[in-house]
């Protein structure tokens, strides 16, 4: 019999209206809108221990449990060793051996310790983020679980949050999931310049449609509070033609007060250039992004008391794509050149041209 999941319970977090969002929320939302990386950040935005604890639980870590505490300490020790050995980096003992793991996040936010502690804690947390990411991938490789089984586990987790959103009255009119067919995977890989199966991020995909445009940000932020931590967005995999950052600022003037404190200047996205799918219609609008959803694998592992593995991580990460759009935009997206059928026609035309370049083009079937 498989042991039960030891996934930590999350505290009940209220819906945050846009008018109550501050610098913290703006930075987290911006990271997703542009598909950025938290590795480039210079500070965190936690204010209390409870906030940190909720974040760690969202990561599937319950540090009130000794085995999770030991694992977090091990990741911290390896991050510190890496910095000291590779860069001769001076990591103070206050950061290397904090009273609580939670303190690292409060140091990095400038709530505890000095400005020097903030800088060091930020660097350490970045390395810990990478180590935990590697561990999640490695554990998934070693477990006896198929891709289909994992997709079922992840889908159940996502849909449970969808049910919770409905119960809380969030204005979501559609929350649907799909898994790409074999034909779709082949076509997508042939359409990409880099034909590597691991680069198909949207095998498991969820579409979220809100009632109105103004509901987009509260729904997006709620997902980062209940389903996936904001920092697990996959860098460079966001296609955002729906919520450009400057438009978010224009539609929500109270954000202007936070502009001088942002980690990136207001015009950063202009220099990056837009992320747009070349097969989409010119007026197609949506927010598509990919995240690593953390999932505990206790059902596939020995109990903590019987676990004799050298590496005792119990969390894997699973790539999932989200598309978020409002109801009116969704309606427009299905018209004319924006429709899914038109998208597929353009994609197939490119694939056929690529396959047959310099060769005989297959005759059209009658």
Protein backbone atom coordinates (compact mmCIF):
# COMPACT_ATOMS: atom_id res chain seq x y z
CA UNK A 1 0.00 0.00 0.00
CA UNK A 2 1.37 3.42 -0.99
CA UNK A 3 1.92 5.91 1.84
CA UNK A 4 -0.42 8.91 1.86
CA UNK A 5 0.66 12.27 0.52
CA UNK A 6 2.36 14.53 3.05
CA UNK A 7 1.53 17.68 1.09
CA UNK A 8 1.26 20.58 3.55
CA UNK A 9 -2.04 22.35 4.07
CA UNK A 10 -2.18 25.90 2.74
CA UNK A 11 -3.63 28.73 4.82
CA UNK A 12 -6.82 30.31 3.58
CA UNK A 13 -5.74 33.39 1.63
CA UNK A 14 -8.31 36.03 0.62
CA UNK A 15 -8.71 37.21 -2.95
CA UNK A 16 -6.62 40.33 -3.50
CA UNK A 17 -8.36 43.02 -5.59
CA UNK A 18 -6.12 45.02 -7.90
CA UNK A 19 -6.69 48.15 -5.82
CA UNK A 20 -5.08 46.41 -2.82
CA UNK A 21 -2.06 45.19 -4.76
CA UNK A 22 1.27 46.82 -4.00
CA UNK A 23 4.90 46.58 -5.10
CA UNK A 24 5.15 42.90 -4.14
CA UNK A 25 2.19 41.86 -6.27
CA UNK A 26 3.25 44.08 -9.15
CA UNK A 27 6.73 42.55 -9.29
CA UNK A 28 5.40 38.99 -9.15
CA UNK A 29 2.80 39.63 -11.84
CA UNK A 30 5.35 41.37 -14.05
CA UNK A 31 7.68 38.38 -13.82
CA UNK A 32 4.94 36.16 -15.26
CA UNK A 33 3.78 38.68 -17.88
CA UNK A 34 7.27 38.92 -19.36
CA UNK A 35 8.45 35.35 -18.70
CA UNK A 36 11.40 36.58 -16.65
CA UNK A 37 13.65 34.82 -14.16
CA UNK A 38 13.79 35.39 -10.43
CA UNK A 39 17.56 34.81 -10.71
CA UNK A 40 17.79 38.42 -11.94
CA UNK A 41 16.05 39.85 -8.86
CA UNK A 42 17.90 41.87 -6.23
CA UNK A 43 15.46 41.50 -3.35
CA UNK A 44 12.39 39.63 -2.16
CA UNK A 45 9.17 41.13 -0.76
CA UNK A 46 8.18 39.08 2.27
CA UNK A 47 7.14 41.01 5.36
CA UNK A 48 6.30 38.34 7.94
CA UNK A 49 7.22 34.79 8.87
CA UNK A 50 3.67 33.66 8.09
CA UNK A 51 4.02 34.93 4.52
CA UNK A 52 7.22 32.95 4.11
CA UNK A 53 5.63 29.85 5.62
CA UNK A 54 2.69 30.05 3.20
CA UNK A 55 5.16 30.40 0.31
CA UNK A 56 7.15 27.35 1.45
CA UNK A 57 3.94 25.34 1.80
CA UNK A 58 3.02 26.33 -1.74
CA UNK A 59 6.40 24.87 -2.68
CA UNK A 60 5.16 21.71 -0.90
CA UNK A 61 7.54 22.13 2.04
CA UNK A 62 6.22 21.98 5.59
CA UNK A 63 9.15 22.94 7.80
CA UNK A 64 7.24 21.99 10.93
CA UNK A 65 7.97 18.42 9.76
CA UNK A 66 11.51 17.35 10.67
CA UNK A 67 12.19 15.59 7.33
CA UNK A 68 11.30 18.71 5.33
CA UNK A 69 13.38 20.88 7.65
CA UNK A 70 16.37 18.56 7.24
CA UNK A 71 15.98 18.60 3.46
CA UNK A 72 15.78 22.40 3.31
CA UNK A 73 18.89 22.67 5.50
CA UNK A 74 20.72 20.29 3.17
CA UNK A 75 19.85 22.38 0.12
CA UNK A 76 20.98 25.52 1.98
CA UNK A 77 24.29 23.91 2.98
CA UNK A 78 24.97 22.83 -0.61
CA UNK A 79 24.19 26.32 -1.92
CA UNK A 80 26.60 27.88 0.59
CA UNK A 81 29.30 25.32 -0.22
CA UNK A 82 28.89 26.00 -3.94
CA UNK A 83 29.33 29.75 -3.47
CA UNK A 84 32.31 29.40 -1.17
CA UNK A 85 34.07 26.76 -3.30
CA UNK A 86 33.30 28.10 -6.78
CA UNK A 87 33.57 31.86 -6.22
CA UNK A 88 35.31 32.10 -2.84
CA UNK A 89 32.13 33.92 -1.82
CA UNK A 90 31.95 35.06 1.78
CA UNK A 91 28.66 33.82 3.19
CA UNK A 92 28.23 34.97 6.77
CA UNK A 93 27.17 32.37 9.31
CA UNK A 94 24.03 34.39 10.05
CA UNK A 95 22.86 33.54 6.53
CA UNK A 96 24.55 30.14 6.20
CA UNK A 97 23.07 28.86 9.46
CA UNK A 98 19.92 30.88 10.20
CA UNK A 99 17.77 30.10 13.20
CA UNK A 100 14.97 29.30 10.76
CA UNK A 101 14.95 28.77 7.00
CA UNK A 102 12.22 31.42 6.98
CA UNK A 103 14.85 33.98 8.04
CA UNK A 104 16.58 33.68 4.66
CA UNK A 105 13.54 35.13 2.93
CA UNK A 106 13.19 37.89 5.53
CA UNK A 107 16.89 38.74 5.16
CA UNK A 108 16.46 38.85 1.37
CA UNK A 109 13.48 41.19 1.83
CA UNK A 110 15.38 43.56 4.12
CA UNK A 111 12.99 42.87 7.01
CA UNK A 112 15.68 41.23 9.16
CA UNK A 113 19.42 41.80 9.35
CA UNK A 114 21.50 44.38 7.51
CA UNK A 115 21.68 45.37 3.84
CA UNK A 116 24.70 43.08 3.54
CA UNK A 117 22.64 40.17 4.84
CA UNK A 118 19.96 41.03 2.26
CA UNK A 119 22.44 40.82 -0.62
CA UNK A 120 24.00 37.58 0.58
CA UNK A 121 20.63 35.96 1.30
CA UNK A 122 19.42 36.83 -2.20
CA UNK A 123 22.44 35.14 -3.75
CA UNK A 124 22.05 32.05 -1.57
CA UNK A 125 18.32 31.75 -2.32
CA UNK A 126 19.02 31.92 -6.06
CA UNK A 127 21.41 28.98 -5.83
CA UNK A 128 18.96 27.07 -3.61
CA UNK A 129 16.26 27.66 -6.24
CA UNK A 130 18.47 26.07 -8.90
CA UNK A 131 19.45 23.13 -6.69
CA UNK A 132 15.83 22.38 -5.79
CA UNK A 133 14.93 22.59 -9.48
CA UNK A 134 17.64 20.07 -10.37
CA UNK A 135 16.53 17.80 -7.54
CA UNK A 136 12.90 17.92 -8.71
CA UNK A 137 13.90 16.88 -12.22
CA UNK A 138 16.25 14.19 -10.97
CA UNK A 139 13.67 12.67 -8.63
CA UNK A 140 11.11 12.53 -11.43
CA UNK A 141 13.66 10.68 -13.59
CA UNK A 142 14.19 8.08 -10.86
CA UNK A 143 10.56 7.45 -9.91
CA UNK A 144 8.42 4.66 -11.33
CA UNK A 145 5.72 7.00 -12.62
CA UNK A 146 4.70 7.47 -16.22
CA UNK A 147 4.19 10.83 -17.87
CA UNK A 148 0.49 10.02 -18.15
CA UNK A 149 0.24 9.25 -14.41
CA UNK A 150 2.00 12.48 -13.50
CA UNK A 151 -0.32 14.42 -15.81
CA UNK A 152 -3.28 12.92 -13.94
CA UNK A 153 -1.82 13.93 -10.57
CA UNK A 154 -1.12 17.47 -11.77
CA UNK A 155 -4.52 17.81 -13.43
CA UNK A 156 -6.26 16.76 -10.22
CA UNK A 157 -4.24 19.34 -8.30
CA UNK A 158 -5.04 22.13 -10.75
CA UNK A 159 -8.73 21.31 -10.98
CA UNK A 160 -9.02 21.24 -7.19
CA UNK A 161 -7.84 24.86 -7.19
CA UNK A 162 -10.33 25.61 -9.97
CA UNK A 163 -13.11 24.25 -7.73
CA UNK A 164 -11.83 26.38 -4.87
CA UNK A 165 -11.86 29.49 -7.09
CA UNK A 166 -15.46 28.79 -8.05
CA UNK A 167 -16.44 28.37 -4.40
CA UNK A 168 -14.82 31.71 -3.56
CA UNK A 169 -16.78 33.43 -6.28
CA UNK A 170 -13.88 34.38 -8.52
CA UNK A 171 -15.28 35.49 -11.92
CA UNK A 172 -13.99 32.53 -13.96
CA UNK A 173 -16.39 31.39 -16.69
CA UNK A 174 -14.17 28.58 -18.00
CA UNK A 175 -11.35 26.50 -16.53
CA UNK A 176 -10.60 23.66 -18.94
CA UNK A 177 -7.67 21.32 -19.49
CA UNK A 178 -6.34 19.43 -22.47
CA UNK A 179 -3.42 17.16 -23.35
CA UNK A 180 -1.80 17.35 -26.77
CA UNK A 181 -2.34 14.44 -29.14
CA UNK A 182 0.56 12.63 -30.79
CA UNK A 183 -0.19 14.33 -34.13
CA UNK A 184 -0.19 17.75 -32.48
CA UNK A 185 3.15 17.04 -30.80
CA UNK A 186 4.73 15.95 -34.09
CA UNK A 187 3.45 19.03 -35.91
CA UNK A 188 4.60 21.38 -33.17
CA UNK A 189 8.08 19.89 -33.05
CA UNK A 190 8.44 20.06 -36.81
CA UNK A 191 7.34 23.68 -36.73
CA UNK A 192 9.99 24.58 -34.13
CA UNK A 193 13.58 25.30 -35.06
CA UNK A 194 14.75 23.18 -32.15
CA UNK A 195 13.08 19.80 -32.59
CA UNK A 196 13.58 18.49 -29.09
CA UNK A 197 10.73 16.73 -27.35
CA UNK A 198 11.63 18.26 -23.97
CA UNK A 199 10.91 21.68 -25.46
CA UNK A 200 7.22 20.97 -25.90
CA UNK A 201 6.08 22.66 -22.72
CA UNK A 202 2.34 22.48 -23.23
CA UNK A 203 1.61 18.75 -23.25
CA UNK A 204 -0.69 19.52 -20.32
CA UNK A 205 -2.49 22.80 -20.85
CA UNK A 206 -5.12 24.76 -18.93
CA UNK A 207 -7.29 27.52 -20.33
CA UNK A 208 -8.76 30.04 -17.92
CA UNK A 209 -11.40 32.50 -19.12
CA UNK A 210 -12.43 35.37 -16.85
CA UNK A 211 -15.70 37.28 -17.00
CA UNK A 212 -14.11 40.66 -17.69
CA UNK A 213 -10.69 42.05 -18.53
CA UNK A 214 -10.38 43.66 -15.09
CA UNK A 215 -10.67 40.17 -13.54
CA UNK A 216 -7.46 38.94 -15.19
CA UNK A 217 -4.95 40.20 -12.61
CA UNK A 218 -6.84 39.01 -9.49
CA UNK A 219 -7.31 35.55 -11.03
CA UNK A 220 -3.67 35.36 -12.13
CA UNK A 221 -2.42 36.41 -8.71
CA UNK A 222 -4.71 33.99 -6.93
CA UNK A 223 -3.17 31.14 -8.93
CA UNK A 224 0.27 32.19 -7.66
CA UNK A 225 -1.04 32.01 -4.10
CA UNK A 226 -2.78 28.63 -4.32
CA UNK A 227 -1.29 26.60 -7.16
CA UNK A 228 2.21 27.56 -8.28
CA UNK A 229 4.79 29.87 -6.71
CA UNK A 230 5.36 32.90 -8.93
CA UNK A 231 9.11 32.21 -9.26
CA UNK A 232 8.52 28.88 -11.00
CA UNK A 233 7.40 30.54 -14.23
CA UNK A 234 9.63 29.14 -17.01
CA UNK A 235 11.80 31.99 -18.34
CA UNK A 236 11.41 32.83 -22.00
CA UNK A 237 8.21 30.82 -22.48
CA UNK A 238 5.63 33.56 -22.08
CA UNK A 239 3.59 34.86 -25.01
CA UNK A 240 1.80 37.97 -23.83
CA UNK A 241 -0.26 39.94 -26.32
CA UNK A 242 -3.06 40.58 -23.82
CA UNK A 243 -1.52 42.39 -20.83
CA UNK A 244 1.52 44.47 -21.81
CA UNK A 245 3.13 45.83 -18.67
CA UNK A 246 2.71 49.48 -19.63
CA UNK A 247 -0.97 48.85 -20.27
CA UNK A 248 -1.29 47.30 -16.81
CA UNK A 249 0.18 50.50 -15.38
CA UNK A 250 -2.12 52.68 -17.47
CA UNK A 251 -5.24 50.75 -16.44
CA UNK A 252 -4.26 50.80 -12.75
CA UNK A 253 -2.87 54.28 -11.94
CA UNK A 254 -2.17 53.45 -8.29
CA UNK A 255 0.77 51.30 -9.47
CA UNK A 256 2.60 54.47 -10.60
CA UNK A 257 3.83 55.12 -7.05
CA UNK A 258 5.86 51.89 -7.19
CA UNK A 259 7.64 52.57 -10.52
CA UNK A 260 10.83 54.03 -8.92
CA UNK A 261 11.19 50.91 -6.74
CA UNK A 262 10.82 48.31 -9.51
CA UNK A 263 13.75 45.97 -10.14
CA UNK A 264 13.52 46.70 -13.87
CA UNK A 265 12.74 50.09 -15.39
CA UNK A 266 9.38 50.87 -16.94
CA UNK A 267 10.66 50.48 -20.53
CA UNK A 268 12.41 47.13 -20.10
CA UNK A 269 9.79 45.15 -22.04
CA UNK A 270 10.07 47.58 -24.98
CA UNK A 271 13.74 46.68 -25.33
CA UNK A 272 13.04 42.96 -25.01
CA UNK A 273 10.55 42.96 -27.86
CA UNK A 274 7.12 41.30 -27.91
CA UNK A 275 6.68 37.57 -27.44
CA UNK A 276 4.27 36.50 -30.14
CA UNK A 277 3.45 33.17 -31.76
CA UNK A 278 4.16 33.53 -35.50
CA UNK A 279 1.17 31.32 -36.35
CA UNK A 280 -1.38 33.43 -34.48
CA UNK A 281 -3.59 35.98 -36.22
CA UNK A 282 -2.49 39.62 -36.09
CA UNK A 283 -5.30 40.58 -33.72
CA UNK A 284 -5.12 37.45 -31.55
CA UNK A 285 -4.72 38.34 -27.86
CA UNK A 286 -3.92 36.05 -24.94
CA UNK A 287 -1.54 35.48 -22.05
CA UNK A 288 0.24 32.14 -22.37
CA UNK A 289 2.92 31.11 -19.89
CA UNK A 290 4.55 27.92 -18.65
CA UNK A 291 5.17 27.05 -15.00
CA UNK A 292 6.79 24.26 -13.05
CA UNK A 293 4.13 23.02 -10.67
CA UNK A 294 5.64 21.39 -7.55
CA UNK A 295 4.10 18.04 -6.62
CA UNK A 296 4.89 15.82 -3.64
CA UNK A 297 5.61 12.22 -4.55
CA UNK A 298 5.08 10.61 -1.15
CA UNK A 299 2.80 7.98 -2.70
CA UNK A 300 5.78 6.76 -4.76
CA UNK A 301 8.41 6.95 -2.02
CA UNK A 302 9.16 5.21 1.27
CA UNK A 303 7.82 6.84 4.41
CA UNK A 304 10.22 9.43 5.88
CA UNK A 305 11.02 7.00 8.71
CA UNK A 306 11.98 4.24 6.24
CA UNK A 307 13.62 6.46 3.64
CA UNK A 308 17.26 5.36 3.26
CA UNK A 309 17.96 7.33 0.07
CA UNK A 310 21.02 9.55 0.10
CA UNK A 311 19.04 12.40 -1.45
CA UNK A 312 15.77 12.73 0.42
CA UNK A 313 13.90 15.23 -1.73
CA UNK A 314 10.21 14.38 -2.08
CA UNK A 315 9.08 17.01 -4.59
CA UNK A 316 9.05 16.86 -8.38
CA UNK A 317 8.17 19.65 -10.79
CA UNK A 318 5.87 19.23 -13.75
CA UNK A 319 5.71 21.59 -16.72
CA UNK A 320 2.24 22.96 -17.38
CA UNK A 321 1.05 25.69 -19.75
CA UNK A 322 -1.65 28.18 -18.83
CA UNK A 323 -3.61 30.40 -21.14
CA UNK A 324 -5.55 33.22 -19.51
CA UNK A 325 -7.97 35.43 -21.40
CA UNK A 326 -11.17 37.36 -20.73
CA UNK A 327 -14.50 36.29 -22.22
CA UNK A 328 -14.79 39.08 -24.81
CA UNK A 329 -11.24 38.56 -26.05
CA UNK A 330 -11.85 34.81 -26.22
CA UNK A 331 -14.83 35.46 -28.47
CA UNK A 332 -12.80 37.70 -30.80
CA UNK A 333 -9.99 35.15 -30.85
CA UNK A 334 -12.29 32.63 -32.53
CA UNK A 335 -13.17 34.91 -35.43
CA UNK A 336 -11.56 34.95 -38.88
CA UNK A 337 -7.78 34.71 -39.02
CA UNK A 338 -7.58 34.35 -35.23
CA UNK A 339 -9.48 31.05 -35.11
CA UNK A 340 -7.83 27.81 -34.06
CA UNK A 341 -8.48 26.28 -37.49
CA UNK A 342 -6.70 29.19 -39.19
CA UNK A 343 -3.81 28.84 -36.74
CA UNK A 344 -3.46 25.15 -37.55
CA UNK A 345 -3.57 25.81 -41.30
CA UNK A 346 -0.71 28.30 -41.06
CA UNK A 347 1.31 25.94 -38.88
CA UNK A 348 0.78 22.93 -41.18
CA UNK A 349 1.68 25.00 -44.24
CA UNK A 350 5.01 25.94 -42.67
CA UNK A 351 5.71 22.36 -41.60
CA UNK A 352 4.98 20.97 -45.06
CA UNK A 353 7.24 23.61 -46.63
CA UNK A 354 10.02 22.73 -44.19
CA UNK A 355 9.68 18.98 -44.72
CA UNK A 356 9.64 19.23 -48.50
CA UNK A 357 12.29 21.91 -48.98
CA UNK A 358 14.48 20.75 -51.88
CA UNK A 359 12.39 17.61 -52.22
CA UNK A 360 9.27 16.58 -54.08
CA UNK A 361 6.15 18.06 -52.50
CA UNK A 362 3.55 15.34 -51.75
CA UNK A 363 0.49 15.54 -53.96
CA UNK A 364 -2.68 16.70 -52.32
CA UNK A 365 -4.97 13.78 -51.49
CA UNK A 366 -8.26 13.70 -53.36
